[in-house]
């Protein structure tokens, strides 16, 4: 449960492959450049939005309210 996983490249775990697919970061690249990249996932399991590391949880919270 707490072992290190790959998030980029051929060895990326299935979850991160799914989250990144079609959801590029602010630089236009799907790869995760740094930890603390965040994803807002809807109740249907689809990615609503991807957030780069500098985005605060409070900023995400404002967007979250529209999906509850």
Protein backbone atom coordinates (compact mmCIF):
# COMPACT_ATOMS: atom_id res chain seq x y z
CA UNK A 1 0.00 0.00 0.00
CA UNK A 2 2.84 2.42 0.71
CA UNK A 3 5.47 1.17 -1.70
CA UNK A 4 7.00 3.48 -4.26
CA UNK A 5 5.35 3.42 -7.69
CA UNK A 6 6.20 4.86 -11.06
CA UNK A 7 3.95 7.65 -12.32
CA UNK A 8 5.62 8.29 -15.69
CA UNK A 9 7.09 6.20 -18.46
CA UNK A 10 6.56 2.61 -19.50
CA UNK A 11 6.41 1.42 -15.89
CA UNK A 12 3.74 3.89 -14.74
CA UNK A 13 1.04 2.28 -12.62
CA UNK A 14 -2.39 1.88 -14.19
CA UNK A 15 -4.01 4.52 -11.98
CA UNK A 16 -1.62 7.27 -13.05
CA UNK A 17 -1.78 6.20 -16.68
CA UNK A 18 -5.56 6.67 -16.47
CA UNK A 19 -5.41 9.99 -14.58
CA UNK A 20 -2.87 11.51 -16.97
CA UNK A 21 -4.45 10.25 -20.20
CA UNK A 22 -5.94 13.24 -21.99
CA UNK A 23 -5.27 15.50 -18.99
CA UNK A 24 -2.06 17.43 -19.58
CA UNK A 25 -0.58 19.76 -16.99
CA UNK A 26 -0.15 23.51 -17.41
CA UNK A 27 2.89 22.90 -19.59
CA UNK A 28 0.85 20.80 -22.04
CA UNK A 29 2.64 17.59 -21.08
CA UNK A 30 0.76 14.62 -19.60
CA UNK A 31 3.76 13.49 -17.52
CA UNK A 32 3.81 14.41 -13.85
CA UNK A 33 6.79 16.70 -13.40
CA UNK A 34 6.67 16.98 -9.62
CA UNK A 35 4.83 15.46 -6.69
CA UNK A 36 1.75 17.25 -5.38
CA UNK A 37 0.06 17.21 -8.79
CA UNK A 38 -3.62 16.79 -7.94
CA UNK A 39 -6.63 15.43 -9.82
CA UNK A 40 -10.31 16.16 -9.22
CA UNK A 41 -12.24 12.99 -10.06
CA UNK A 42 -16.02 12.91 -10.41
CA UNK A 43 -18.36 10.38 -8.87
CA UNK A 44 -18.41 8.62 -12.24
CA UNK A 45 -14.67 8.02 -11.93
CA UNK A 46 -13.69 10.42 -14.73
CA UNK A 47 -11.10 13.15 -14.32
CA UNK A 48 -12.76 16.55 -14.08
CA UNK A 49 -9.59 18.62 -13.82
CA UNK A 50 -5.87 18.33 -13.18
CA UNK A 51 -4.08 20.79 -10.91
CA UNK A 52 -0.38 21.62 -10.92
CA UNK A 53 1.56 21.56 -7.62
CA UNK A 54 1.21 25.28 -6.76
CA UNK A 55 -2.61 25.08 -6.72
CA UNK A 56 -3.85 25.03 -3.12
CA UNK A 57 -6.50 22.69 -1.72
CA UNK A 58 -8.62 25.77 -1.04
CA UNK A 59 -8.60 26.66 -4.75
CA UNK A 60 -9.64 23.12 -5.61
CA UNK A 61 -12.38 23.30 -2.97
CA UNK A 62 -14.00 26.20 -4.80
CA UNK A 63 -14.28 24.07 -7.94
CA UNK A 64 -15.34 20.99 -6.00
CA UNK A 65 -18.55 22.61 -4.74
CA UNK A 66 -19.93 22.73 -8.28
CA UNK A 67 -19.65 18.94 -8.58
CA UNK A 68 -21.31 17.90 -5.32
